[in-house]
Amino acid sequence: MLLQWTTSANHDLVRLHAFLHPVNPRAATQVVQQLVAAAEQLLLYPQLGERLAEFSPRNVRRLIVGDYELRYELKYTTIFVLRLWHGREDR
């Protein structure tokens, strides 16, 4: 399996870090590291997240990482990280 970050997911990581950094730089770094580690864990356990029926027939899943949601799609031999956000964000 390959792990591929979409442009939107990369922007989400930068946005989340930029939001947290002024208040707590250490926490901002930790959150980004946790989200990246969770995505990398999908290489070992690609079906770890809950499948989201509303995207069927696509195999889009969500993984909760602390207070954050990571959405990803399984497609052939690639895991695409689609989006990331805090659970309190209006999505």
PDB file of N, CA and C in Angstrom:
ATOM      1  N   MET A   1       0.837  -1.192   0.000  1.00  0.00           N
ATOM      2  CA  MET A   1       0.000   0.000   0.000  1.00  0.00           C
ATOM      3  C   MET A   1       0.876   1.247   0.000  1.00  0.00           C
ATOM      4  N   LEU A   2       0.385   2.265  -0.636  1.00  0.00           N
ATOM      5  CA  LEU A   2       1.028   3.570  -0.655  1.00  0.00           C
ATOM      6  C   LEU A   2       0.137   4.565   0.086  1.00  0.00           C
ATOM      7  N   LEU A   3       0.746   5.564   0.697  1.00  0.00           N
ATOM      8  CA  LEU A   3       0.015   6.617   1.383  1.00  0.00           C
ATOM      9  C   LEU A   3       0.201   7.906   0.605  1.00  0.00           C
ATOM     10  N   GLN A   4      -0.904   8.509   0.184  1.00  0.00           N
ATOM     11  CA  GLN A   4      -0.861   9.734  -0.605  1.00  0.00           C
ATOM     12  C   GLN A   4      -1.710  10.809   0.076  1.00  0.00           C
ATOM     13  N   TRP A   5      -1.097  11.947   0.383  1.00  0.00           N
ATOM     14  CA  TRP A   5      -1.799  13.078   0.987  1.00  0.00           C
ATOM     15  C   TRP A   5      -2.317  13.975  -0.134  1.00  0.00           C
ATOM     16  N   THR A   6      -3.606  14.312  -0.081  1.00  0.00           N
ATOM     17  CA  THR A   6      -4.146  15.251  -1.060  1.00  0.00           C
ATOM     18  C   THR A   6      -3.693  16.663  -0.696  1.00  0.00           C
ATOM     19  N   THR A   7      -3.808  17.551  -1.645  1.00  0.00           N
ATOM     20  CA  THR A   7      -3.479  18.953  -1.398  1.00  0.00           C
ATOM     21  C   THR A   7      -4.347  19.502  -0.269  1.00  0.00           C
ATOM     22  N   SER A   8      -5.616  19.149  -0.265  1.00  0.00           N
ATOM     23  CA  SER A   8      -6.528  19.619   0.793  1.00  0.00           C
ATOM     24  C   SER A   8      -6.087  19.130   2.166  1.00  0.00           C
ATOM     25  N   ALA A   9      -5.667  17.885   2.259  1.00  0.00           N
ATOM     26  CA  ALA A   9      -5.219  17.346   3.548  1.00  0.00           C
ATOM     27  C   ALA A   9      -3.937  18.043   4.010  1.00  0.00           C
ATOM     28  N   ASN A  10      -3.025  18.305   3.085  1.00  0.00           N
ATOM     29  CA  ASN A  10      -1.810  19.043   3.443  1.00  0.00           C
ATOM     30  C   ASN A  10      -2.148  20.446   3.937  1.00  0.00           C
ATOM     31  N   HIS A  11      -3.076  21.106   3.265  1.00  0.00           N
ATOM     32  CA  HIS A  11      -3.503  22.434   3.702  1.00  0.00           C
ATOM     33  C   HIS A  11      -4.158  22.368   5.081  1.00  0.00           C
ATOM     34  N   ASP A  12      -4.916  21.300   5.336  1.00  0.00           N
ATOM     35  CA  ASP A  12      -5.554  21.138   6.647  1.00  0.00           C
ATOM     36  C   ASP A  12      -4.501  21.031   7.751  1.00  0.00           C
ATOM     37  N   LEU A  13      -3.440  20.267   7.502  1.00  0.00           N
ATOM     38  CA  LEU A  13      -2.365  20.149   8.498  1.00  0.00           C
ATOM     39  C   LEU A  13      -1.735  21.513   8.799  1.00  0.00           C
ATOM     40  N   VAL A  14      -1.469  22.262   7.758  1.00  0.00           N
ATOM     41  CA  VAL A  14      -0.873  23.591   7.931  1.00  0.00           C
ATOM     42  C   VAL A  14      -1.840  24.500   8.687  1.00  0.00           C
ATOM     43  N   ARG A  15      -3.120  24.453   8.329  1.00  0.00           N
ATOM     44  CA  ARG A  15      -4.133  25.288   8.968  1.00  0.00           C
ATOM     45  C   ARG A  15      -4.272  24.966  10.449  1.00  0.00           C
ATOM     46  N   LEU A  16      -4.327  23.682  10.776  1.00  0.00           N
ATOM     47  CA  LEU A  16      -4.465  23.279  12.175  1.00  0.00           C
ATOM     48  C   LEU A  16      -3.245  23.714  12.986  1.00  0.00           C
ATOM     49  N   HIS A  17      -2.066  23.539  12.415  1.00  0.00           N
ATOM     50  CA  HIS A  17      -0.843  23.956  13.097  1.00  0.00           C
ATOM     51  C   HIS A  17      -0.842  25.473  13.310  1.00  0.00           C
ATOM     52  N   ALA A  18      -1.198  26.219  12.279  1.00  0.00           N
ATOM     53  CA  ALA A  18      -1.202  27.685  12.369  1.00  0.00           C
ATOM     54  C   ALA A  18      -2.207  28.181  13.403  1.00  0.00           C
ATOM     55  N   PHE A  19      -3.317  27.474  13.562  1.00  0.00           N
ATOM     56  CA  PHE A  19      -4.322  27.871  14.542  1.00  0.00           C
ATOM     57  C   PHE A  19      -3.813  27.657  15.971  1.00  0.00           C
ATOM     58  N   LEU A  20      -3.171  26.529  16.213  1.00  0.00           N
ATOM     59  CA  LEU A  20      -2.714  26.185  17.561  1.00  0.00           C
ATOM     60  C   LEU A  20      -1.394  26.851  17.958  1.00  0.00           C
ATOM     61  N   HIS A  21      -0.529  27.088  17.010  1.00  0.00           N
ATOM     62  CA  HIS A  21       0.826  27.545  17.306  1.00  0.00           C
ATOM     63  C   HIS A  21       0.900  28.823  18.147  1.00  0.00           C
ATOM     64  N   PRO A  22       0.112  29.858  17.863  1.00  0.00           N
ATOM     65  CA  PRO A  22       0.226  31.076  18.678  1.00  0.00           C
ATOM     66  C   PRO A  22      -0.118  30.856  20.158  1.00  0.00           C
ATOM     67  N   VAL A  23      -0.997  29.915  20.425  1.00  0.00           N
ATOM     68  CA  VAL A  23      -1.431  29.653  21.802  1.00  0.00           C
ATOM     69  C   VAL A  23      -0.492  28.669  22.492  1.00  0.00           C
ATOM     70  N   ASN A  24      -0.099  27.598  21.750  1.00  0.00           N
ATOM     71  CA  ASN A  24       0.721  26.555  22.353  1.00  0.00           C
ATOM     72  C   ASN A  24       1.547  25.868  21.254  1.00  0.00           C
ATOM     73  N   PRO A  25       2.739  26.359  20.988  1.00  0.00           N
ATOM     74  CA  PRO A  25       3.557  25.793  19.909  1.00  0.00           C
ATOM     75  C   PRO A  25       3.829  24.302  20.068  1.00  0.00           C
ATOM     76  N   ARG A  26       4.054  23.885  21.288  1.00  0.00           N
ATOM     77  CA  ARG A  26       4.335  22.461  21.524  1.00  0.00           C
ATOM     78  C   ARG A  26       3.127  21.593  21.171  1.00  0.00           C
ATOM     79  N   ALA A  27       1.944  22.017  21.587  1.00  0.00           N
ATOM     80  CA  ALA A  27       0.721  21.267  21.270  1.00  0.00           C
ATOM     81  C   ALA A  27       0.482  21.241  19.767  1.00  0.00           C
ATOM     82  N   ALA A  28       0.767  22.345  19.088  1.00  0.00           N
ATOM     83  CA  ALA A  28       0.588  22.395  17.635  1.00  0.00           C
ATOM     84  C   ALA A  28       1.444  21.338  16.951  1.00  0.00           C
ATOM     85  N   THR A  29       2.687  21.234  17.375  1.00  0.00           N
ATOM     86  CA  THR A  29       3.591  20.230  16.802  1.00  0.00           C
ATOM     87  C   THR A  29       3.119  18.825  17.122  1.00  0.00           C
ATOM     88  N   GLN A  30       2.688  18.593  18.352  1.00  0.00           N
ATOM     89  CA  GLN A  30       2.228  17.262  18.763  1.00  0.00           C
ATOM     90  C   GLN A  30       1.003  16.821  17.980  1.00  0.00           C
ATOM     91  N   VAL A  31       0.069  17.726  17.771  1.00  0.00           N
ATOM     92  CA  VAL A  31      -1.152  17.383  17.025  1.00  0.00           C
ATOM     93  C   VAL A  31      -0.795  16.966  15.607  1.00  0.00           C
ATOM     94  N   VAL A  32       0.055  17.736  14.960  1.00  0.00           N
ATOM     95  CA  VAL A  32       0.454  17.395  13.590  1.00  0.00           C
ATOM     96  C   VAL A  32       1.158  16.041  13.568  1.00  0.00           C
ATOM     97  N   GLN A  33       2.048  15.805  14.515  1.00  0.00           N
ATOM     98  CA  GLN A  33       2.752  14.522  14.577  1.00  0.00           C
ATOM     99  C   GLN A  33       1.778  13.363  14.801  1.00  0.00           C
ATOM    100  N   GLN A  34       0.783  13.549  15.662  1.00  0.00           N
ATOM    101  CA  GLN A  34      -0.203  12.495  15.926  1.00  0.00           C
ATOM    102  C   GLN A  34      -1.032  12.196  14.681  1.00  0.00           C
ATOM    103  N   LEU A  35      -1.427  13.228  13.964  1.00  0.00           N
ATOM    104  CA  LEU A  35      -2.227  13.016  12.759  1.00  0.00           C
ATOM    105  C   LEU A  35      -1.418  12.314  11.674  1.00  0.00           C
ATOM    106  N   VAL A  36      -0.173  12.698  11.514  1.00  0.00           N
ATOM    107  CA  VAL A  36       0.685  12.038  10.518  1.00  0.00           C
ATOM    108  C   VAL A  36       0.932  10.581  10.913  1.00  0.00           C
ATOM    109  N   ALA A  37       1.173  10.322  12.191  1.00  0.00           N
ATOM    110  CA  ALA A  37       1.398   8.946  12.668  1.00  0.00           C
ATOM    111  C   ALA A  37       0.148   8.091  12.466  1.00  0.00           C
ATOM    112  N   ALA A  38      -1.021   8.671  12.704  1.00  0.00           N
ATOM    113  CA  ALA A  38      -2.272   7.921  12.507  1.00  0.00           C
ATOM    114  C   ALA A  38      -2.445   7.555  11.037  1.00  0.00           C
ATOM    115  N   ALA A  39      -2.130   8.486  10.142  1.00  0.00           N
ATOM    116  CA  ALA A  39      -2.228   8.194   8.711  1.00  0.00           C
ATOM    117  C   ALA A  39      -1.244   7.087   8.327  1.00  0.00           C
ATOM    118  N   GLU A  40      -0.048   7.139   8.865  1.00  0.00           N
ATOM    119  CA  GLU A  40       0.953   6.105   8.558  1.00  0.00           C
ATOM    120  C   GLU A  40       0.546   4.743   9.109  1.00  0.00           C
ATOM    121  N   GLN A  41      -0.183   4.725  10.206  1.00  0.00           N
ATOM    122  CA  GLN A  41      -0.671   3.465  10.776  1.00  0.00           C
ATOM    123  C   GLN A  41      -1.645   2.772   9.821  1.00  0.00           C
ATOM    124  N   LEU A  42      -2.301   3.556   8.975  1.00  0.00           N
ATOM    125  CA  LEU A  42      -3.233   2.980   8.005  1.00  0.00           C
ATOM    126  C   LEU A  42      -2.528   2.070   7.004  1.00  0.00           C
ATOM    127  N   LEU A  43      -1.231   2.254   6.824  1.00  0.00           N
ATOM    128  CA  LEU A  43      -0.492   1.367   5.933  1.00  0.00           C
ATOM    129  C   LEU A  43      -0.505  -0.066   6.449  1.00  0.00           C
ATOM    130  N   LEU A  44      -0.528  -0.223   7.765  1.00  0.00           N
ATOM    131  CA  LEU A  44      -0.597  -1.564   8.362  1.00  0.00           C
ATOM    132  C   LEU A  44      -2.038  -2.048   8.512  1.00  0.00           C
ATOM    133  N   TYR A  45      -2.939  -1.108   8.799  1.00  0.00           N
ATOM    134  CA  TYR A  45      -4.343  -1.451   9.067  1.00  0.00           C
ATOM    135  C   TYR A  45      -5.244  -0.537   8.230  1.00  0.00           C
ATOM    136  N   PRO A  46      -5.324  -0.751   6.928  1.00  0.00           N
ATOM    137  CA  PRO A  46      -6.044   0.180   6.062  1.00  0.00           C
ATOM    138  C   PRO A  46      -7.545   0.278   6.343  1.00  0.00           C
ATOM    139  N   GLN A  47      -8.125  -0.744   6.930  1.00  0.00           N
ATOM    140  CA  GLN A  47      -9.560  -0.705   7.196  1.00  0.00           C
ATOM    141  C   GLN A  47      -9.863  -0.334   8.648  1.00  0.00           C
ATOM    142  N   LEU A  48      -8.918   0.312   9.302  1.00  0.00           N
ATOM    143  CA  LEU A  48      -9.059   0.693  10.695  1.00  0.00           C
ATOM    144  C   LEU A  48     -10.236   1.645  10.918  1.00  0.00           C
ATOM    145  N   GLY A  49     -10.421   2.583  10.017  1.00  0.00           N
ATOM    146  CA  GLY A  49     -11.476   3.585  10.160  1.00  0.00           C
ATOM    147  C   GLY A  49     -12.854   3.049   9.801  1.00  0.00           C
ATOM    148  N   GLU A  50     -13.852   3.767  10.268  1.00  0.00           N
ATOM    149  CA  GLU A  50     -15.254   3.432   9.985  1.00  0.00           C
ATOM    150  C   GLU A  50     -15.593   3.828   8.552  1.00  0.00           C
ATOM    151  N   ARG A  51     -16.215   2.898   7.818  1.00  0.00           N
ATOM    152  CA  ARG A  51     -16.609   3.196   6.430  1.00  0.00           C
ATOM    153  C   ARG A  51     -17.830   4.110   6.440  1.00  0.00           C
ATOM    154  N   LEU A  52     -17.815   5.100   5.559  1.00  0.00           N
ATOM    155  CA  LEU A  52     -18.892   6.085   5.486  1.00  0.00           C
ATOM    156  C   LEU A  52     -19.801   5.759   4.301  1.00  0.00           C
ATOM    157  N   ALA A  53     -20.985   5.279   4.629  1.00  0.00           N
ATOM    158  CA  ALA A  53     -21.924   4.796   3.613  1.00  0.00           C
ATOM    159  C   ALA A  53     -22.346   5.883   2.629  1.00  0.00           C
ATOM    160  N   GLU A  54     -22.371   7.140   3.074  1.00  0.00           N
ATOM    161  CA  GLU A  54     -22.842   8.202   2.181  1.00  0.00           C
ATOM    162  C   GLU A  54     -21.925   8.420   0.976  1.00  0.00           C
ATOM    163  N   PHE A  55     -20.726   7.851   0.986  1.00  0.00           N
ATOM    164  CA  PHE A  55     -19.792   7.985  -0.134  1.00  0.00           C
ATOM    165  C   PHE A  55     -19.787   6.742  -1.036  1.00  0.00           C
ATOM    166  N   SER A  56     -20.596   5.758  -0.716  1.00  0.00           N
ATOM    167  CA  SER A  56     -20.651   4.517  -1.479  1.00  0.00           C
ATOM    168  C   SER A  56     -20.980   4.835  -2.944  1.00  0.00           C
ATOM    169  N   PRO A  57     -20.343   4.195  -3.872  1.00  0.00           N
ATOM    170  CA  PRO A  57     -19.556   2.976  -3.787  1.00  0.00           C
ATOM    171  C   PRO A  57     -18.080   3.213  -3.446  1.00  0.00           C
ATOM    172  N   ARG A  58     -17.657   4.485  -3.307  1.00  0.00           N
ATOM    173  CA  ARG A  58     -16.268   4.745  -2.917  1.00  0.00           C
ATOM    174  C   ARG A  58     -16.022   4.211  -1.509  1.00  0.00           C
ATOM    175  N   ASN A  59     -14.807   3.818  -1.234  1.00  0.00           N
ATOM    176  CA  ASN A  59     -14.443   3.292   0.078  1.00  0.00           C
ATOM    177  C   ASN A  59     -13.797   4.407   0.902  1.00  0.00           C
ATOM    178  N   VAL A  60     -14.643   5.371   1.315  1.00  0.00           N
ATOM    179  CA  VAL A  60     -14.187   6.492   2.128  1.00  0.00           C
ATOM    180  C   VAL A  60     -14.429   6.149   3.589  1.00  0.00           C
ATOM    181  N   ARG A  61     -13.435   6.416   4.418  1.00  0.00           N
ATOM    182  CA  ARG A  61     -13.491   6.058   5.832  1.00  0.00           C
ATOM    183  C   ARG A  61     -13.081   7.243   6.691  1.00  0.00           C
ATOM    184  N   ARG A  62     -13.445   7.155   7.965  1.00  0.00           N
ATOM    185  CA  ARG A  62     -13.008   8.190   8.896  1.00  0.00           C
ATOM    186  C   ARG A  62     -12.336   7.531  10.085  1.00  0.00           C
ATOM    187  N   LEU A  63     -11.315   8.205  10.557  1.00  0.00           N
ATOM    188  CA  LEU A  63     -10.571   7.736  11.714  1.00  0.00           C
ATOM    189  C   LEU A  63     -10.533   8.889  12.709  1.00  0.00           C
ATOM    190  N   ILE A  64     -10.951   8.623  13.932  1.00  0.00           N
ATOM    191  CA  ILE A  64     -10.913   9.631  14.979  1.00  0.00           C
ATOM    192  C   ILE A  64      -9.550   9.548  15.667  1.00  0.00           C
ATOM    193  N   VAL A  65      -8.867  10.678  15.732  1.00  0.00           N
ATOM    194  CA  VAL A  65      -7.538  10.768  16.345  1.00  0.00           C
ATOM    195  C   VAL A  65      -7.631  11.858  17.411  1.00  0.00           C
ATOM    196  N   GLY A  66      -7.865  11.447  18.648  1.00  0.00           N
ATOM    197  CA  GLY A  66      -8.070  12.428  19.715  1.00  0.00           C
ATOM    198  C   GLY A  66      -9.315  13.242  19.428  1.00  0.00           C
ATOM    199  N   ASP A  67      -9.157  14.553  19.292  1.00  0.00           N
ATOM    200  CA  ASP A  67     -10.272  15.452  18.993  1.00  0.00           C
ATOM    201  C   ASP A  67     -10.405  15.744  17.500  1.00  0.00           C
ATOM    202  N   TYR A  68      -9.682  15.009  16.676  1.00  0.00           N
ATOM    203  CA  TYR A  68      -9.621  15.294  15.248  1.00  0.00           C
ATOM    204  C   TYR A  68     -10.201  14.139  14.436  1.00  0.00           C
ATOM    205  N   GLU A  69     -10.692  14.501  13.252  1.00  0.00           N
ATOM    206  CA  GLU A  69     -11.187  13.492  12.322  1.00  0.00           C
ATOM    207  C   GLU A  69     -10.312  13.496  11.086  1.00  0.00           C
ATOM    208  N   LEU A  70      -9.910  12.301  10.674  1.00  0.00           N
ATOM    209  CA  LEU A  70      -9.100  12.105   9.482  1.00  0.00           C
ATOM    210  C   LEU A  70      -9.947  11.311   8.503  1.00  0.00           C
ATOM    211  N   ARG A  71     -10.204  11.881   7.344  1.00  0.00           N
ATOM    212  CA  ARG A  71     -10.958  11.161   6.305  1.00  0.00           C
ATOM    213  C   ARG A  71      -9.975  10.659   5.257  1.00  0.00           C
ATOM    214  N   TYR A  72     -10.195   9.422   4.842  1.00  0.00           N
ATOM    215  CA  TYR A  72      -9.311   8.840   3.834  1.00  0.00           C
ATOM    216  C   TYR A  72     -10.089   7.913   2.930  1.00  0.00           C
ATOM    217  N   GLU A  73      -9.507   7.611   1.783  1.00  0.00           N
ATOM    218  CA  GLU A  73     -10.136   6.724   0.810  1.00  0.00           C
ATOM    219  C   GLU A  73      -9.166   5.622   0.422  1.00  0.00           C
ATOM    220  N   LEU A  74      -9.679   4.400   0.423  1.00  0.00           N
ATOM    221  CA  LEU A  74      -8.909   3.250  -0.058  1.00  0.00           C
ATOM    222  C   LEU A  74      -9.235   3.067  -1.530  1.00  0.00           C
ATOM    223  N   LYS A  75      -8.188   3.053  -2.340  1.00  0.00           N
ATOM    224  CA  LYS A  75      -8.373   2.923  -3.776  1.00  0.00           C
ATOM    225  C   LYS A  75      -7.265   2.041  -4.312  1.00  0.00           C
ATOM    226  N   TYR A  76      -7.614   0.826  -4.668  1.00  0.00           N
ATOM    227  CA  TYR A  76      -6.648  -0.148  -5.171  1.00  0.00           C
ATOM    228  C   TYR A  76      -5.514  -0.342  -4.170  1.00  0.00           C
ATOM    229  N   THR A  77      -4.317   0.099  -4.488  1.00  0.00           N
ATOM    230  CA  THR A  77      -3.178  -0.106  -3.587  1.00  0.00           C
ATOM    231  C   THR A  77      -2.727   1.200  -2.932  1.00  0.00           C
ATOM    232  N   THR A  78      -3.617   2.203  -2.924  1.00  0.00           N
ATOM    233  CA  THR A  78      -3.256   3.509  -2.381  1.00  0.00           C
ATOM    234  C   THR A  78      -4.274   3.965  -1.348  1.00  0.00           C
ATOM    235  N   ILE A  79      -3.761   4.570  -0.287  1.00  0.00           N
ATOM    236  CA  ILE A  79      -4.602   5.208   0.721  1.00  0.00           C
ATOM    237  C   ILE A  79      -4.453   6.707   0.501  1.00  0.00           C
ATOM    238  N   PHE A  80      -5.558   7.379   0.192  1.00  0.00           N
ATOM    239  CA  PHE A  80      -5.550   8.820  -0.018  1.00  0.00           C
ATOM    240  C   PHE A  80      -6.080   9.496   1.237  1.00  0.00           C
ATOM    241  N   VAL A  81      -5.260  10.302   1.881  1.00  0.00           N
ATOM    242  CA  VAL A  81      -5.724  11.117   3.006  1.00  0.00           C
ATOM    243  C   VAL A  81      -6.422  12.313   2.375  1.00  0.00           C
ATOM    244  N   LEU A  82      -7.730  12.421   2.662  1.00  0.00           N
ATOM    245  CA  LEU A  82      -8.546  13.429   1.994  1.00  0.00           C
ATOM    246  C   LEU A  82      -8.621  14.749   2.750  1.00  0.00           C
ATOM    247  N   ARG A  83      -8.996  14.683   4.033  1.00  0.00           N
ATOM    248  CA  ARG A  83      -9.206  15.893   4.840  1.00  0.00           C
ATOM    249  C   ARG A  83      -8.940  15.601   6.304  1.00  0.00           C
ATOM    250  N   LEU A  84      -8.676  16.661   7.063  1.00  0.00           N
ATOM    251  CA  LEU A  84      -8.471  16.589   8.511  1.00  0.00           C
ATOM    252  C   LEU A  84      -9.138  17.806   9.135  1.00  0.00           C
ATOM    253  N   TRP A  85      -9.746  17.628  10.299  1.00  0.00           N
ATOM    254  CA  TRP A  85     -10.294  18.777  11.018  1.00  0.00           C
ATOM    255  C   TRP A  85     -10.549  18.434  12.465  1.00  0.00           C
ATOM    256  N   HIS A  86     -10.688  19.473  13.276  1.00  0.00           N
ATOM    257  CA  HIS A  86     -11.020  19.320  14.676  1.00  0.00           C
ATOM    258  C   HIS A  86     -12.511  19.029  14.785  1.00  0.00           C
ATOM    259  N   GLY A  87     -12.884  18.199  15.749  1.00  0.00           N
ATOM    260  CA  GLY A  87     -14.282  17.813  15.917  1.00  0.00           C
ATOM    261  C   GLY A  87     -15.226  18.963  16.175  1.00  0.00           C
ATOM    262  N   ARG A  88     -14.731  20.074  16.681  1.00  0.00           N
ATOM    263  CA  ARG A  88     -15.588  21.235  16.947  1.00  0.00           C
ATOM    264  C   ARG A  88     -15.761  22.151  15.744  1.00  0.00           C
ATOM    265  N   GLU A  89     -15.020  21.874  14.674  1.00  0.00           N
ATOM    266  CA  GLU A  89     -15.174  22.689  13.482  1.00  0.00           C
ATOM    267  C   GLU A  89     -16.511  22.376  12.825  1.00  0.00           C
ATOM    268  N   ASP A  90     -17.093  23.367  12.218  1.00  0.00           N
ATOM    269  CA  ASP A  90     -18.377  23.201  11.532  1.00  0.00           C
ATOM    270  C   ASP A  90     -18.119  22.609  10.147  1.00  0.00           C
ATOM    271  N   ARG A  91     -18.317  21.309  10.035  1.00  0.00           N
ATOM    272  CA  ARG A  91     -18.086  20.608   8.764  1.00  0.00           C
ATOM    273  C   ARG A  91     -19.334  19.930   8.295  1.00  0.00           C
TER     274      ARG A  91
END
